[in-house]
Amino acid sequence: MREPDFEIDGWCLEDGEAYHAEAPETFWIPERDRRESLEAGDHAKLIFRINVDNADGNVSFERMWVLVRERTSDGYLGVLNNEPDTVAENDEFWLGTELPFSAKHVININERDATTTALALDEPRTRWPG
């Protein structure tokens, strides 16, 4: 399954491990084994690079939560659980959009509970096309 691509999708995910490697004292991320053992209902915080057209430039970065739906052979499938601040509501990238990600993208984790585990079973607003 392909990762989101900035040129194709208009957004992509930043590598949280690379951010941590550049500034390990100030950019904390969860331990690798925890990032590699997410389960349905967990929330993972990811950094999104989004193509926008505004007065500040053409690129915006947002940290947003993704609800894990399932594990895949190369990572996870989740659904965006935030409304992006820098784009208007749309059918391609908004709350409920399904997306793939991997452990390297995870910069924070919120543990699942009964409510989020049930939410992970809901049909996504938009399925990942890749």
C-alpha atoms as a PDB file:
ATOM      1  CA  MET A   1       0.000   0.000   0.000  1.00  0.00           C
ATOM      2  CA  ARG A   2       1.460   3.342  -0.953  1.00  0.00           C
ATOM      3  CA  GLU A   3       2.024   6.129   1.559  1.00  0.00           C
ATOM      4  CA  PRO A   4       0.350   9.509   1.045  1.00  0.00           C
ATOM      5  CA  ASP A   5       2.268  11.546  -1.535  1.00  0.00           C
ATOM      6  CA  PHE A   6       2.422  15.347  -1.473  1.00  0.00           C
ATOM      7  CA  GLU A   7       2.303  15.644  -5.286  1.00  0.00           C
ATOM      8  CA  ILE A   8      -0.484  13.093  -5.808  1.00  0.00           C
ATOM      9  CA  ASP A   9      -2.656  13.634  -2.725  1.00  0.00           C
ATOM     10  CA  GLY A  10      -1.882  17.243  -1.803  1.00  0.00           C
ATOM     11  CA  TRP A  11      -0.593  16.145   1.608  1.00  0.00           C
ATOM     12  CA  CYS A  12       1.826  13.664   3.132  1.00  0.00           C
ATOM     13  CA  LEU A  13       3.160  12.529   6.487  1.00  0.00           C
ATOM     14  CA  GLU A  14       6.392  13.712   8.054  1.00  0.00           C
ATOM     15  CA  ASP A  15       8.889  11.255   9.526  1.00  0.00           C
ATOM     16  CA  GLY A  16       8.680  11.689  13.309  1.00  0.00           C
ATOM     17  CA  GLU A  17      11.802   9.585  13.809  1.00  0.00           C
ATOM     18  CA  ALA A  18      13.778  12.062  11.673  1.00  0.00           C
ATOM     19  CA  TYR A  19      12.486  15.007  13.750  1.00  0.00           C
ATOM     20  CA  HIS A  20      13.495  13.160  16.921  1.00  0.00           C
ATOM     21  CA  ALA A  21      16.959  12.336  15.518  1.00  0.00           C
ATOM     22  CA  GLU A  22      17.539  16.036  14.746  1.00  0.00           C
ATOM     23  CA  ALA A  23      16.550  17.195  18.249  1.00  0.00           C
ATOM     24  CA  PRO A  24      16.352  14.237  20.659  1.00  0.00           C
ATOM     25  CA  GLU A  25      16.375  16.428  23.771  1.00  0.00           C
ATOM     26  CA  THR A  26      13.435  18.581  22.688  1.00  0.00           C
ATOM     27  CA  PHE A  27      11.429  16.400  20.270  1.00  0.00           C
ATOM     28  CA  TRP A  28      10.200  13.374  22.213  1.00  0.00           C
ATOM     29  CA  ILE A  29       8.501  10.401  20.565  1.00  0.00           C
ATOM     30  CA  PRO A  30       7.222   7.171  22.130  1.00  0.00           C
ATOM     31  CA  GLU A  31       9.528   4.155  22.219  1.00  0.00           C
ATOM     32  CA  ARG A  32       9.733   2.219  18.953  1.00  0.00           C
ATOM     33  CA  ASP A  33       8.202  -0.978  20.363  1.00  0.00           C
ATOM     34  CA  ARG A  34       5.124   1.000  21.488  1.00  0.00           C
ATOM     35  CA  ARG A  35       4.828   2.737  18.100  1.00  0.00           C
ATOM     36  CA  GLU A  36       5.009  -0.689  16.429  1.00  0.00           C
ATOM     37  CA  SER A  37       2.319  -2.261  18.631  1.00  0.00           C
ATOM     38  CA  LEU A  38      -0.685   0.025  18.164  1.00  0.00           C
ATOM     39  CA  GLU A  39      -4.103  -1.614  18.140  1.00  0.00           C
ATOM     40  CA  ALA A  40      -7.548  -0.665  16.886  1.00  0.00           C
ATOM     41  CA  GLY A  41      -8.875   2.202  18.992  1.00  0.00           C
ATOM     42  CA  ASP A  42      -5.491   3.714  19.865  1.00  0.00           C
ATOM     43  CA  HIS A  43      -4.875   7.287  18.744  1.00  0.00           C
ATOM     44  CA  ALA A  44      -1.604   8.177  17.038  1.00  0.00           C
ATOM     45  CA  LYS A  45      -0.499  11.785  16.603  1.00  0.00           C
ATOM     46  CA  LEU A  46       1.124  12.405  13.218  1.00  0.00           C
ATOM     47  CA  ILE A  47       2.631  15.435  11.473  1.00  0.00           C
ATOM     48  CA  PHE A  48       0.910  16.285   8.202  1.00  0.00           C
ATOM     49  CA  ARG A  49       2.442  18.437   5.457  1.00  0.00           C
ATOM     50  CA  ILE A  50      -0.474  19.944   3.531  1.00  0.00           C
ATOM     51  CA  ASN A  51      -0.534  21.815   0.235  1.00  0.00           C
ATOM     52  CA  VAL A  52      -2.417  25.067   0.848  1.00  0.00           C
ATOM     53  CA  ASP A  53      -2.798  28.313  -1.005  1.00  0.00           C
ATOM     54  CA  ASN A  54      -2.658  31.155   1.491  1.00  0.00           C
ATOM     55  CA  ALA A  55      -0.796  34.370   2.263  1.00  0.00           C
ATOM     56  CA  ASP A  56       1.812  32.515   4.337  1.00  0.00           C
ATOM     57  CA  GLY A  57       2.880  30.216   1.503  1.00  0.00           C
ATOM     58  CA  ASN A  58       1.877  26.960  -0.119  1.00  0.00           C
ATOM     59  CA  VAL A  59       2.677  24.470   2.636  1.00  0.00           C
ATOM     60  CA  SER A  60       1.270  24.036   6.113  1.00  0.00           C
ATOM     61  CA  PHE A  61       2.256  21.594   8.852  1.00  0.00           C
ATOM     62  CA  GLU A  62      -0.330  20.284  11.309  1.00  0.00           C
ATOM     63  CA  ARG A  63      -0.081  17.781  14.140  1.00  0.00           C
ATOM     64  CA  MET A  64      -3.286  15.770  14.188  1.00  0.00           C
ATOM     65  CA  TRP A  65      -4.674  12.633  15.773  1.00  0.00           C
ATOM     66  CA  VAL A  66      -5.470   9.527  13.766  1.00  0.00           C
ATOM     67  CA  LEU A  67      -7.666   6.745  15.140  1.00  0.00           C
ATOM     68  CA  VAL A  68      -6.087   3.364  14.412  1.00  0.00           C
ATOM     69  CA  ARG A  69      -8.506   1.030  12.582  1.00  0.00           C
ATOM     70  CA  GLU A  70      -6.253  -1.916  11.805  1.00  0.00           C
ATOM     71  CA  ARG A  71      -2.713  -3.210  11.455  1.00  0.00           C
ATOM     72  CA  THR A  72      -1.410  -3.870   7.951  1.00  0.00           C
ATOM     73  CA  SER A  73       1.657  -5.698   6.675  1.00  0.00           C
ATOM     74  CA  ASP A  74       3.608  -2.425   6.545  1.00  0.00           C
ATOM     75  CA  GLY A  75       2.003  -0.369   9.308  1.00  0.00           C
ATOM     76  CA  TYR A  76      -1.519   0.779  10.030  1.00  0.00           C
ATOM     77  CA  LEU A  77      -4.740   2.053   8.525  1.00  0.00           C
ATOM     78  CA  GLY A  78      -6.449   4.780  10.507  1.00  0.00           C
ATOM     79  CA  VAL A  79      -8.894   7.622  10.130  1.00  0.00           C
ATOM     80  CA  LEU A  80      -8.150  11.283  10.644  1.00  0.00           C
ATOM     81  CA  ASN A  81      -9.726  12.307  13.944  1.00  0.00           C
ATOM     82  CA  ASN A  82      -9.195  16.074  13.595  1.00  0.00           C
ATOM     83  CA  GLU A  83     -10.490  18.774  11.291  1.00  0.00           C
ATOM     84  CA  PRO A  84      -7.473  20.389   9.603  1.00  0.00           C
ATOM     85  CA  ASP A  85      -7.132  24.104  10.355  1.00  0.00           C
ATOM     86  CA  THR A  86      -5.546  25.035   7.040  1.00  0.00           C
ATOM     87  CA  VAL A  87      -8.021  23.587   4.529  1.00  0.00           C
ATOM     88  CA  ALA A  88     -11.755  23.881   4.060  1.00  0.00           C
ATOM     89  CA  GLU A  89     -13.958  20.824   4.525  1.00  0.00           C
ATOM     90  CA  ASN A  90     -13.685  18.549   1.500  1.00  0.00           C
ATOM     91  CA  ASP A  91     -14.200  14.938   0.431  1.00  0.00           C
ATOM     92  CA  GLU A  92     -10.536  13.972   0.035  1.00  0.00           C
ATOM     93  CA  PHE A  93      -8.909  15.064   3.308  1.00  0.00           C
ATOM     94  CA  TRP A  94     -11.033  15.744   6.360  1.00  0.00           C
ATOM     95  CA  LEU A  95     -12.249  14.257   9.624  1.00  0.00           C
ATOM     96  CA  GLY A  96     -12.912  10.557   8.967  1.00  0.00           C
ATOM     97  CA  THR A  97     -10.573  10.204   5.988  1.00  0.00           C
ATOM     98  CA  GLU A  98      -8.814   6.838   5.945  1.00  0.00           C
ATOM     99  CA  LEU A  99      -5.023   6.872   5.607  1.00  0.00           C
ATOM    100  CA  PRO A 100      -2.045   4.556   5.953  1.00  0.00           C
ATOM    101  CA  PHE A 101       0.883   5.301   8.243  1.00  0.00           C
ATOM    102  CA  SER A 102       3.738   3.508   9.932  1.00  0.00           C
ATOM    103  CA  ALA A 103       5.593   3.593  13.247  1.00  0.00           C
ATOM    104  CA  LYS A 104       8.098   6.172  11.941  1.00  0.00           C
ATOM    105  CA  HIS A 105       5.285   8.733  11.599  1.00  0.00           C
ATOM    106  CA  VAL A 106       3.959   8.429  15.193  1.00  0.00           C
ATOM    107  CA  ILE A 107       4.959  11.274  17.524  1.00  0.00           C
ATOM    108  CA  ASN A 108       2.516  10.574  20.366  1.00  0.00           C
ATOM    109  CA  ILE A 109      -0.023   7.948  21.440  1.00  0.00           C
ATOM    110  CA  ASN A 110      -3.287   8.015  23.385  1.00  0.00           C
ATOM    111  CA  GLU A 111      -4.360   4.598  24.648  1.00  0.00           C
ATOM    112  CA  ARG A 112      -7.608   3.075  23.438  1.00  0.00           C
ATOM    113  CA  ASP A 113     -10.708   2.679  25.568  1.00  0.00           C
ATOM    114  CA  ALA A 114     -14.077   1.019  24.951  1.00  0.00           C
ATOM    115  CA  THR A 115     -15.411   4.073  23.105  1.00  0.00           C
ATOM    116  CA  THR A 116     -12.456   4.508  20.736  1.00  0.00           C
ATOM    117  CA  THR A 117     -12.250   0.762  20.097  1.00  0.00           C
ATOM    118  CA  ALA A 118     -15.906   0.820  19.002  1.00  0.00           C
ATOM    119  CA  LEU A 119     -15.293   3.926  16.857  1.00  0.00           C
ATOM    120  CA  ALA A 120     -12.500   2.110  15.030  1.00  0.00           C
ATOM    121  CA  LEU A 121     -15.142  -0.221  13.576  1.00  0.00           C
ATOM    122  CA  ASP A 122     -17.081   2.625  11.916  1.00  0.00           C
ATOM    123  CA  GLU A 123     -16.932   3.022   8.155  1.00  0.00           C
ATOM    124  CA  PRO A 124     -14.492   5.804   7.170  1.00  0.00           C
ATOM    125  CA  ARG A 125     -15.781   8.957   5.503  1.00  0.00           C
ATOM    126  CA  THR A 126     -13.426   8.325   2.575  1.00  0.00           C
ATOM    127  CA  ARG A 127     -11.449   5.127   1.898  1.00  0.00           C
ATOM    128  CA  TRP A 128      -7.729   5.302   1.094  1.00  0.00           C
ATOM    129  CA  PRO A 129      -7.362   4.997  -2.698  1.00  0.00           C
ATOM    130  CA  GLY A 130      -3.779   3.730  -2.645  1.00  0.00           C
END
